[in-house]
PDB file of N, CA and C in Angstrom:
ATOM      1  N   MET A   1      89.621  96.564  71.832  1.00  0.00           N
ATOM      2  CA  MET A   1      90.379  97.459  72.251  1.00  0.00           C
ATOM      3  C   MET A   1      89.420  98.479  72.978  1.00  0.00           C
ATOM      4  N   LYS A   2      88.298  98.423  72.598  1.00  0.00           N
ATOM      5  CA  LYS A   2      87.262  99.472  73.181  1.00  0.00           C
ATOM      6  C   LYS A   2      87.210  99.020  74.871  1.00  0.00           C
ATOM      7  N   GLY A   3      87.142  97.826  75.161  1.00  0.00           N
ATOM      8  CA  GLY A   3      87.126  97.301  76.699  1.00  0.00           C
ATOM      9  C   GLY A   3      88.337  97.747  77.349  1.00  0.00           C
ATOM     10  N   GLU A   4      89.623  97.806  76.799  1.00  0.00           N
ATOM     11  CA  GLU A   4      90.655  98.310  77.557  1.00  0.00           C
ATOM     12  C   GLU A   4      90.751  99.643  77.612  1.00  0.00           C
ATOM     13  N   LEU A   5      90.048 100.500  76.864  1.00  0.00           N
ATOM     14  CA  LEU A   5      90.105 101.893  77.073  1.00  0.00           C
ATOM     15  C   LEU A   5      89.205 102.173  78.124  1.00  0.00           C
ATOM     16  N   ILE A   6      87.950 101.603  78.258  1.00  0.00           N
ATOM     17  CA  ILE A   6      86.987 101.712  79.152  1.00  0.00           C
ATOM     18  C   ILE A   6      87.566 101.367  80.588  1.00  0.00           C
ATOM     19  N   PHE A   7      88.290 100.408  80.598  1.00  0.00           N
ATOM     20  CA  PHE A   7      89.000 100.029  81.861  1.00  0.00           C
ATOM     21  C   PHE A   7      89.975 100.748  82.180  1.00  0.00           C
ATOM     22  N   GLY A   8      90.861 101.361  81.390  1.00  0.00           N
ATOM     23  CA  GLY A   8      91.868 102.507  81.575  1.00  0.00           C
ATOM     24  C   GLY A   8      91.403 103.599  82.300  1.00  0.00           C
ATOM     25  N   VAL A   9      90.139 104.088  81.587  1.00  0.00           N
ATOM     26  CA  VAL A   9      89.474 105.429  82.064  1.00  0.00           C
ATOM     27  C   VAL A   9      89.083 105.192  83.570  1.00  0.00           C
ATOM     28  N   ILE A  10      88.336 103.952  83.718  1.00  0.00           N
ATOM     29  CA  ILE A  10      87.968 103.918  84.996  1.00  0.00           C
ATOM     30  C   ILE A  10      88.966 103.702  86.097  1.00  0.00           C
ATOM     31  N   ALA A  11      90.177 103.212  85.631  1.00  0.00           N
ATOM     32  CA  ALA A  11      91.321 102.891  86.540  1.00  0.00           C
ATOM     33  C   ALA A  11      91.840 104.191  86.939  1.00  0.00           C
ATOM     34  N   VAL A  12      91.955 105.067  85.759  1.00  0.00           N
ATOM     35  CA  VAL A  12      92.609 106.368  86.258  1.00  0.00           C
ATOM     36  C   VAL A  12      91.609 107.288  87.039  1.00  0.00           C
ATOM     37  N   LEU A  13      90.437 107.098  86.987  1.00  0.00           N
ATOM     38  CA  LEU A  13      89.391 107.921  87.658  1.00  0.00           C
ATOM     39  C   LEU A  13      89.389 107.393  89.135  1.00  0.00           C
ATOM     40  N   PHE A  14      89.559 105.969  89.219  1.00  0.00           N
ATOM     41  CA  PHE A  14      89.555 105.555  90.414  1.00  0.00           C
ATOM     42  C   PHE A  14      90.899 106.053  91.547  1.00  0.00           C
ATOM     43  N   VAL A  15      92.156 105.900  90.751  1.00  0.00           N
ATOM     44  CA  VAL A  15      93.199 106.328  91.251  1.00  0.00           C
ATOM     45  C   VAL A  15      93.390 107.927  91.612  1.00  0.00           C
ATOM     46  N   ALA A  16      92.935 108.594  90.787  1.00  0.00           N
ATOM     47  CA  ALA A  16      92.834 110.098  90.948  1.00  0.00           C
ATOM     48  C   ALA A  16      91.703 110.294  92.112  1.00  0.00           C
ATOM     49  N   SER A  17      90.659 109.605  92.530  1.00  0.00           N
ATOM     50  CA  SER A  17      89.824 110.052  93.419  1.00  0.00           C
ATOM     51  C   SER A  17      90.555 109.535  94.681  1.00  0.00           C
ATOM     52  N   PHE A  18      91.201 108.551  94.725  1.00  0.00           N
ATOM     53  CA  PHE A  18      91.927 107.969  95.754  1.00  0.00           C
ATOM     54  C   PHE A  18      92.917 109.237  96.163  1.00  0.00           C
ATOM     55  N   PHE A  19      93.685 109.620  95.494  1.00  0.00           N
ATOM     56  CA  PHE A  19      94.790 110.457  95.660  1.00  0.00           C
ATOM     57  C   PHE A  19      94.120 111.755  95.915  1.00  0.00           C
ATOM     58  N   TYR A  20      92.956 112.062  95.490  1.00  0.00           N
ATOM     59  CA  TYR A  20      92.365 113.411  95.943  1.00  0.00           C
ATOM     60  C   TYR A  20      91.899 113.181  97.142  1.00  0.00           C
ATOM     61  N   GLY A  21      91.221 112.267  97.769  1.00  0.00           N
ATOM     62  CA  GLY A  21      90.883 112.027  99.135  1.00  0.00           C
ATOM     63  C   GLY A  21      92.006 112.120 100.202  1.00  0.00           C
ATOM     64  N   MET A  22      93.036 111.447  99.711  1.00  0.00           N
ATOM     65  CA  MET A  22      94.193 111.593 100.330  1.00  0.00           C
ATOM     66  C   MET A  22      94.678 112.848 100.848  1.00  0.00           C
ATOM     67  N   ALA A  23      94.757 113.852  99.631  1.00  0.00           N
ATOM     68  CA  ALA A  23      95.046 115.101  99.741  1.00  0.00           C
ATOM     69  C   ALA A  23      94.242 116.025 100.526  1.00  0.00           C
ATOM     70  N   ALA A  24      93.025 115.680 100.451  1.00  0.00           N
ATOM     71  CA  ALA A  24      91.775 116.630 101.053  1.00  0.00           C
ATOM     72  C   ALA A  24      92.041 116.299 102.591  1.00  0.00           C
ATOM     73  N   HIS A  25      92.421 115.025 102.876  1.00  0.00           N
ATOM     74  CA  HIS A  25      92.391 114.868 104.481  1.00  0.00           C
ATOM     75  C   HIS A  25      93.599 114.154 104.774  1.00  0.00           C
ATOM     76  N   PRO A  26      94.574 114.972 104.923  1.00  0.00           N
ATOM     77  CA  PRO A  26      96.004 114.617 105.094  1.00  0.00           C
ATOM     78  C   PRO A  26      96.437 113.718 106.603  1.00  0.00           C
ATOM     79  N   ASP A  27      95.739 114.218 107.548  1.00  0.00           N
ATOM     80  CA  ASP A  27      95.626 113.695 108.794  1.00  0.00           C
ATOM     81  C   ASP A  27      94.715 112.694 109.143  1.00  0.00           C
ATOM     82  N   SER A  28      93.890 112.126 108.265  1.00  0.00           N
ATOM     83  CA  SER A  28      93.017 111.128 108.619  1.00  0.00           C
ATOM     84  C   SER A  28      93.617 109.678 108.807  1.00  0.00           C
ATOM     85  N   GLU A  29      93.046 109.029 109.818  1.00  0.00           N
ATOM     86  CA  GLU A  29      93.393 107.566 109.910  1.00  0.00           C
ATOM     87  C   GLU A  29      92.166 106.689 109.329  1.00  0.00           C
ATOM     88  N   PHE A  30      92.679 105.831 108.598  1.00  0.00           N
ATOM     89  CA  PHE A  30      91.716 104.713 108.114  1.00  0.00           C
ATOM     90  C   PHE A  30      91.437 103.714 109.236  1.00  0.00           C
ATOM     91  N   GLY A  31      90.115 103.435 109.553  1.00  0.00           N
ATOM     92  CA  GLY A  31      89.714 102.457 110.494  1.00  0.00           C
ATOM     93  C   GLY A  31      88.841 101.462 109.772  1.00  0.00           C
ATOM     94  N   GLY A  32      89.043 100.395 110.283  1.00  0.00           N
ATOM     95  CA  GLY A  32      88.088  99.037 109.509  1.00  0.00           C
ATOM     96  C   GLY A  32      86.536  99.123 110.118  1.00  0.00           C
ATOM     97  N   ALA A  33      85.942  98.303 109.498  1.00  0.00           N
ATOM     98  CA  ALA A  33      84.422  98.220 110.078  1.00  0.00           C
ATOM     99  C   ALA A  33      84.217  97.476 111.344  1.00  0.00           C
ATOM    100  N   ASP A  34      85.387  96.746 111.785  1.00  0.00           N
ATOM    101  CA  ASP A  34      85.316  96.010 112.929  1.00  0.00           C
ATOM    102  C   ASP A  34      85.347  97.245 114.045  1.00  0.00           C
ATOM    103  N   GLY A  35      86.162  98.174 114.180  1.00  0.00           N
ATOM    104  CA  GLY A  35      86.250  99.268 115.064  1.00  0.00           C
ATOM    105  C   GLY A  35      85.100  99.907 115.149  1.00  0.00           C
ATOM    106  N   GLN A  36      84.287 100.344 113.881  1.00  0.00           N
ATOM    107  CA  GLN A  36      83.116 101.095 113.867  1.00  0.00           C
ATOM    108  C   GLN A  36      82.225 100.254 114.635  1.00  0.00           C
ATOM    109  N   ALA A  37      82.018  99.133 114.305  1.00  0.00           N
ATOM    110  CA  ALA A  37      81.003  98.107 114.814  1.00  0.00           C
ATOM    111  C   ALA A  37      81.294  98.260 116.312  1.00  0.00           C
ATOM    112  N   GLU A  38      82.345  98.049 116.782  1.00  0.00           N
ATOM    113  CA  GLU A  38      82.671  98.211 118.362  1.00  0.00           C
ATOM    114  C   GLU A  38      82.082  99.152 119.126  1.00  0.00           C
ATOM    115  N   ASP A  39      82.189 100.577 118.400  1.00  0.00           N
ATOM    116  CA  ASP A  39      81.616 101.481 118.950  1.00  0.00           C
ATOM    117  C   ASP A  39      80.391 101.877 118.940  1.00  0.00           C
ATOM    118  N   VAL A  40      79.585 101.192 117.772  1.00  0.00           N
ATOM    119  CA  VAL A  40      78.188 101.399 117.783  1.00  0.00           C
ATOM    120  C   VAL A  40      77.578 100.431 118.869  1.00  0.00           C
ATOM    121  N   ILE A  41      78.207  99.209 118.880  1.00  0.00           N
ATOM    122  CA  ILE A  41      77.727  98.065 120.046  1.00  0.00           C
ATOM    123  C   ILE A  41      77.932  98.882 121.527  1.00  0.00           C
ATOM    124  N   ALA A  42      79.079  99.387 121.732  1.00  0.00           N
ATOM    125  CA  ALA A  42      79.298 100.227 123.049  1.00  0.00           C
ATOM    126  C   ALA A  42      78.313 101.291 123.247  1.00  0.00           C
ATOM    127  N   ASP A  43      77.678 101.940 122.359  1.00  0.00           N
ATOM    128  CA  ASP A  43      76.630 103.272 122.234  1.00  0.00           C
ATOM    129  C   ASP A  43      75.315 102.565 122.774  1.00  0.00           C
ATOM    130  N   LEU A  44      75.288 101.234 121.976  1.00  0.00           N
ATOM    131  CA  LEU A  44      73.690 100.794 122.201  1.00  0.00           C
ATOM    132  C   LEU A  44      73.513 100.041 123.493  1.00  0.00           C
ATOM    133  N   THR A  45      74.734  99.573 123.956  1.00  0.00           N
ATOM    134  CA  THR A  45      74.564  98.672 125.216  1.00  0.00           C
ATOM    135  C   THR A  45      75.177  99.642 126.334  1.00  0.00           C
ATOM    136  N   GLY A  46      75.507 100.498 126.315  1.00  0.00           N
ATOM    137  CA  GLY A  46      76.021 101.377 127.314  1.00  0.00           C
ATOM    138  C   GLY A  46      77.297 100.791 127.890  1.00  0.00           C
ATOM    139  N   GLY A  47      78.083 100.209 127.092  1.00  0.00           N
ATOM    140  CA  GLY A  47      79.440  99.505 127.335  1.00  0.00           C
ATOM    141  C   GLY A  47      79.110  98.218 128.185  1.00  0.00           C
ATOM    142  N   THR A  48      78.307  97.756 128.404  1.00  0.00           N
ATOM    143  CA  THR A  48      77.920  96.342 129.212  1.00  0.00           C
ATOM    144  C   THR A  48      78.141  95.271 128.334  1.00  0.00           C
ATOM    145  N   TYR A  49      78.259  95.293 127.053  1.00  0.00           N
ATOM    146  CA  TYR A  49      78.399  93.959 126.177  1.00  0.00           C
ATOM    147  C   TYR A  49      79.661  93.377 126.307  1.00  0.00           C
ATOM    148  N   GLU A  50      79.328  91.883 126.402  1.00  0.00           N
ATOM    149  CA  GLU A  50      80.689  91.072 126.658  1.00  0.00           C
ATOM    150  C   GLU A  50      80.522  90.158 125.447  1.00  0.00           C
ATOM    151  N   PRO A  51      81.626  89.934 124.587  1.00  0.00           N
ATOM    152  CA  PRO A  51      81.654  89.016 123.455  1.00  0.00           C
ATOM    153  C   PRO A  51      81.491  87.624 123.739  1.00  0.00           C
ATOM    154  N   TRP A  52      80.506  86.951 123.198  1.00  0.00           N
ATOM    155  CA  TRP A  52      80.463  85.645 123.586  1.00  0.00           C
ATOM    156  C   TRP A  52      81.270  84.650 122.842  1.00  0.00           C
ATOM    157  N   ALA A  53      82.099  85.118 121.723  1.00  0.00           N
ATOM    158  CA  ALA A  53      83.206  84.170 121.083  1.00  0.00           C
ATOM    159  C   ALA A  53      84.346  85.004 121.306  1.00  0.00           C
ATOM    160  N   GLU A  54      85.582  84.324 121.068  1.00  0.00           N
ATOM    161  CA  GLU A  54      86.864  84.994 120.896  1.00  0.00           C
ATOM    162  C   GLU A  54      87.642  84.411 119.744  1.00  0.00           C
ATOM    163  N   ASP A  55      88.663  85.084 119.513  1.00  0.00           N
ATOM    164  CA  ASP A  55      89.421  85.051 118.320  1.00  0.00           C
ATOM    165  C   ASP A  55      90.117  83.651 118.558  1.00  0.00           C
ATOM    166  N   THR A  56      89.756  82.499 117.846  1.00  0.00           N
ATOM    167  CA  THR A  56      90.287  81.100 118.060  1.00  0.00           C
ATOM    168  C   THR A  56      91.731  80.903 117.516  1.00  0.00           C
ATOM    169  N   TRP A  57      92.259  81.696 116.474  1.00  0.00           N
ATOM    170  CA  TRP A  57      93.495  81.405 115.953  1.00  0.00           C
ATOM    171  C   TRP A  57      94.748  81.893 116.784  1.00  0.00           C
ATOM    172  N   PHE A  58      94.431  83.144 117.449  1.00  0.00           N
ATOM    173  CA  PHE A  58      95.645  83.641 118.299  1.00  0.00           C
ATOM    174  C   PHE A  58      95.497  83.281 119.791  1.00  0.00           C
ATOM    175  N   SER A  59      94.109  83.084 120.116  1.00  0.00           N
ATOM    176  CA  SER A  59      93.746  82.806 121.603  1.00  0.00           C
ATOM    177  C   SER A  59      94.376  81.537 122.192  1.00  0.00           C
ATOM    178  N   ASN A  60      94.252  80.438 120.917  1.00  0.00           N
ATOM    179  CA  ASN A  60      94.735  79.175 121.405  1.00  0.00           C
ATOM    180  C   ASN A  60      96.206  79.120 121.410  1.00  0.00           C
ATOM    181  N   LEU A  61      97.158  80.075 120.605  1.00  0.00           N
ATOM    182  CA  LEU A  61      98.537  80.061 120.754  1.00  0.00           C
ATOM    183  C   LEU A  61      99.073  80.878 121.570  1.00  0.00           C
ATOM    184  N   LYS A  62      98.137  81.614 122.506  1.00  0.00           N
ATOM    185  CA  LYS A  62      98.657  82.669 123.479  1.00  0.00           C
ATOM    186  C   LYS A  62      99.704  83.655 122.765  1.00  0.00           C
ATOM    187  N   PHE A  63      99.258  84.078 121.583  1.00  0.00           N
ATOM    188  CA  PHE A  63     100.347  84.852 120.917  1.00  0.00           C
ATOM    189  C   PHE A  63      99.556  86.149 120.282  1.00  0.00           C
ATOM    190  N   GLU A  64      99.991  87.149 120.382  1.00  0.00           N
ATOM    191  CA  GLU A  64      99.519  88.454 119.859  1.00  0.00           C
ATOM    192  C   GLU A  64     100.130  88.687 118.419  1.00  0.00           C
ATOM    193  N   PRO A  65      99.510  89.202 117.556  1.00  0.00           N
ATOM    194  CA  PRO A  65     100.292  89.572 116.172  1.00  0.00           C
ATOM    195  C   PRO A  65     101.219  90.811 116.509  1.00  0.00           C
ATOM    196  N   PRO A  66     102.426  90.786 115.874  1.00  0.00           N
ATOM    197  CA  PRO A  66     103.388  91.583 116.277  1.00  0.00           C
ATOM    198  C   PRO A  66     103.132  93.162 116.036  1.00  0.00           C
ATOM    199  N   GLY A  67     102.067  93.358 115.373  1.00  0.00           N
ATOM    200  CA  GLY A  67     101.750  94.731 115.108  1.00  0.00           C
ATOM    201  C   GLY A  67     100.790  95.019 113.802  1.00  0.00           C
ATOM    202  N   GLY A  68     100.701  96.087 113.515  1.00  0.00           N
ATOM    203  CA  GLY A  68      99.704  96.580 112.382  1.00  0.00           C
ATOM    204  C   GLY A  68     100.290  96.100 110.887  1.00  0.00           C
ATOM    205  N   GLU A  69     101.459  95.808 110.950  1.00  0.00           N
ATOM    206  CA  GLU A  69     102.048  95.348 109.778  1.00  0.00           C
ATOM    207  C   GLU A  69     101.731  94.129 109.377  1.00  0.00           C
ATOM    208  N   THR A  70     101.448  93.211 110.368  1.00  0.00           N
ATOM    209  CA  THR A  70     100.752  92.063 110.120  1.00  0.00           C
ATOM    210  C   THR A  70      99.591  92.002 109.318  1.00  0.00           C
ATOM    211  N   GLU A  71      98.724  92.787 109.875  1.00  0.00           N
ATOM    212  CA  GLU A  71      97.230  93.051 109.437  1.00  0.00           C
ATOM    213  C   GLU A  71      97.329  93.672 107.792  1.00  0.00           C
ATOM    214  N   SER A  72      98.375  94.346 107.675  1.00  0.00           N
ATOM    215  CA  SER A  72      98.532  94.962 106.366  1.00  0.00           C
ATOM    216  C   SER A  72      98.991  94.163 105.261  1.00  0.00           C
ATOM    217  N   LEU A  73      99.936  93.128 105.908  1.00  0.00           N
ATOM    218  CA  LEU A  73     100.701  92.091 105.007  1.00  0.00           C
ATOM    219  C   LEU A  73      99.147  91.002 104.651  1.00  0.00           C
ATOM    220  N   LEU A  74      98.628  90.743 105.726  1.00  0.00           N
ATOM    221  CA  LEU A  74      97.434  89.984 105.037  1.00  0.00           C
ATOM    222  C   LEU A  74      96.646  90.181 104.152  1.00  0.00           C
ATOM    223  N   PHE A  75      96.332  91.814 104.399  1.00  0.00           N
ATOM    224  CA  PHE A  75      95.277  92.266 103.488  1.00  0.00           C
ATOM    225  C   PHE A  75      95.912  92.408 102.079  1.00  0.00           C
ATOM    226  N   ALA A  76      97.112  92.776 101.927  1.00  0.00           N
ATOM    227  CA  ALA A  76      97.886  93.035 100.791  1.00  0.00           C
ATOM    228  C   ALA A  76      98.082  91.669 100.223  1.00  0.00           C
ATOM    229  N   LEU A  77      98.239  90.381 100.832  1.00  0.00           N
ATOM    230  CA  LEU A  77      98.408  89.112 100.345  1.00  0.00           C
ATOM    231  C   LEU A  77      96.903  88.651  99.885  1.00  0.00           C
ATOM    232  N   GLN A  78      95.828  89.020 100.453  1.00  0.00           N
ATOM    233  CA  GLN A  78      94.542  88.744 100.096  1.00  0.00           C
ATOM    234  C   GLN A  78      94.105  89.364  98.773  1.00  0.00           C
ATOM    235  N   ALA A  79      94.612  90.794  98.673  1.00  0.00           N
ATOM    236  CA  ALA A  79      94.107  91.715  97.518  1.00  0.00           C
ATOM    237  C   ALA A  79      95.192  90.845  96.312  1.00  0.00           C
ATOM    238  N   ALA A  80      96.330  90.405  96.582  1.00  0.00           N
ATOM    239  CA  ALA A  80      97.048  89.959  95.388  1.00  0.00           C
ATOM    240  C   ALA A  80      96.593  88.665  95.000  1.00  0.00           C
ATOM    241  N   ILE A  81      96.289  87.771  95.856  1.00  0.00           N
ATOM    242  CA  ILE A  81      95.622  86.599  95.326  1.00  0.00           C
ATOM    243  C   ILE A  81      94.170  86.768  94.667  1.00  0.00           C
ATOM    244  N   GLY A  82      93.362  87.684  95.050  1.00  0.00           N
ATOM    245  CA  GLY A  82      92.177  88.144  94.422  1.00  0.00           C
ATOM    246  C   GLY A  82      92.491  88.653  92.886  1.00  0.00           C
ATOM    247  N   ALA A  83      93.792  89.615  92.792  1.00  0.00           N
ATOM    248  CA  ALA A  83      93.893  90.019  91.626  1.00  0.00           C
ATOM    249  C   ALA A  83      94.621  88.849  90.579  1.00  0.00           C
ATOM    250  N   ILE A  84      95.322  87.907  91.230  1.00  0.00           N
ATOM    251  CA  ILE A  84      95.818  86.539  90.402  1.00  0.00           C
ATOM    252  C   ILE A  84      94.512  86.170  89.748  1.00  0.00           C
ATOM    253  N   VAL A  85      93.710  85.889  90.583  1.00  0.00           N
ATOM    254  CA  VAL A  85      92.404  84.902  90.362  1.00  0.00           C
ATOM    255  C   VAL A  85      91.534  85.798  89.082  1.00  0.00           C
ATOM    256  N   ILE A  86      91.455  86.986  89.155  1.00  0.00           N
ATOM    257  CA  ILE A  86      90.543  87.886  88.406  1.00  0.00           C
ATOM    258  C   ILE A  86      91.455  87.743  87.135  1.00  0.00           C
ATOM    259  N   GLY A  87      92.494  88.235  87.108  1.00  0.00           N
ATOM    260  CA  GLY A  87      93.401  88.183  85.857  1.00  0.00           C
ATOM    261  C   GLY A  87      93.663  86.787  85.178  1.00  0.00           C
ATOM    262  N   TYR A  88      93.443  85.918  85.829  1.00  0.00           N
ATOM    263  CA  TYR A  88      93.553  84.480  85.262  1.00  0.00           C
ATOM    264  C   TYR A  88      92.302  84.322  84.533  1.00  0.00           C
ATOM    265  N   PHE A  89      91.242  84.535  85.125  1.00  0.00           N
ATOM    266  CA  PHE A  89      89.859  84.471  84.199  1.00  0.00           C
ATOM    267  C   PHE A  89      89.561  85.435  83.258  1.00  0.00           C
ATOM    268  N   PHE A  90      90.198  86.692  83.334  1.00  0.00           N
ATOM    269  CA  PHE A  90      90.057  87.533  82.061  1.00  0.00           C
ATOM    270  C   PHE A  90      90.929  86.940  81.009  1.00  0.00           C
ATOM    271  N   GLY A  91      92.055  86.545  81.380  1.00  0.00           N
ATOM    272  CA  GLY A  91      93.136  85.840  80.305  1.00  0.00           C
ATOM    273  C   GLY A  91      92.431  84.610  79.694  1.00  0.00           C
ATOM    274  N   TYR A  92      91.886  83.896  80.610  1.00  0.00           N
ATOM    275  CA  TYR A  92      91.345  82.639  79.980  1.00  0.00           C
ATOM    276  C   TYR A  92      90.314  83.021  79.000  1.00  0.00           C
ATOM    277  N   TYR A  93      89.541  83.701  79.478  1.00  0.00           N
ATOM    278  CA  TYR A  93      88.242  84.039  78.534  1.00  0.00           C
ATOM    279  C   TYR A  93      88.694  84.925  77.286  1.00  0.00           C
ATOM    280  N   ARG A  94      89.554  85.625  77.329  1.00  0.00           N
ATOM    281  CA  ARG A  94      90.109  86.471  76.255  1.00  0.00           C
ATOM    282  C   ARG A  94      90.714  85.418  75.394  1.00  0.00           C
ATOM    283  N   GLY A  95      91.466  84.698  75.760  1.00  0.00           N
ATOM    284  CA  GLY A  95      92.309  83.487  74.956  1.00  0.00           C
ATOM    285  C   GLY A  95      91.432  82.690  74.409  1.00  0.00           C
ATOM    286  N   LYS A  96      90.122  82.270  75.029  1.00  0.00           N
ATOM    287  CA  LYS A  96      89.301  81.388  74.325  1.00  0.00           C
ATOM    288  C   LYS A  96      88.626  82.195  73.486  1.00  0.00           C
ATOM    289  N   GLY A  97      88.368  83.365  73.499  1.00  0.00           N
ATOM    290  CA  GLY A  97      87.557  84.133  72.611  1.00  0.00           C
ATOM    291  C   GLY A  97      88.222  84.501  71.327  1.00  0.00           C
ATOM    292  N   GLN A  98      89.556  84.629  71.448  1.00  0.00           N
ATOM    293  CA  GLN A  98      90.508  84.768  70.300  1.00  0.00           C
ATOM    294  C   GLN A  98      90.630  83.155  69.602  1.00  0.00           C
ATOM    295  N   ALA A  99      90.589  82.002  70.377  1.00  0.00           N
ATOM    296  CA  ALA A  99      90.863  80.982  69.791  1.00  0.00           C
ATOM    297  C   ALA A  99      89.732  80.408  68.809  1.00  0.00           C
ATOM    298  N   SER A 100      88.524  80.951  69.163  1.00  0.00           N
ATOM    299  CA  SER A 100      87.412  80.496  68.453  1.00  0.00           C
ATOM    300  C   SER A 100      87.014  81.475  66.909  1.00  0.00           C
TER     301      SER A 100
END
């Protein structure tokens, strides 16, 4: 019971800090690390850098993703799969502990 209480407090603090950050910066746009890395590389090389590899998944298909929704969908799917895996192992070990 103590573990669930600690987890609940941590979850509430995380959610509260997220919503506080959203309220403090309502017009902010969230960018990924890829965009920030491109900016740093452009600053360091003066814009002369050319990538030596390309995206193999979409370049072979000659297909561009339909929009930002696809990226959001893939990220949400990745988060859901991770939550399922983590939840399974928490449940497994809790059940194992209760059985013995």
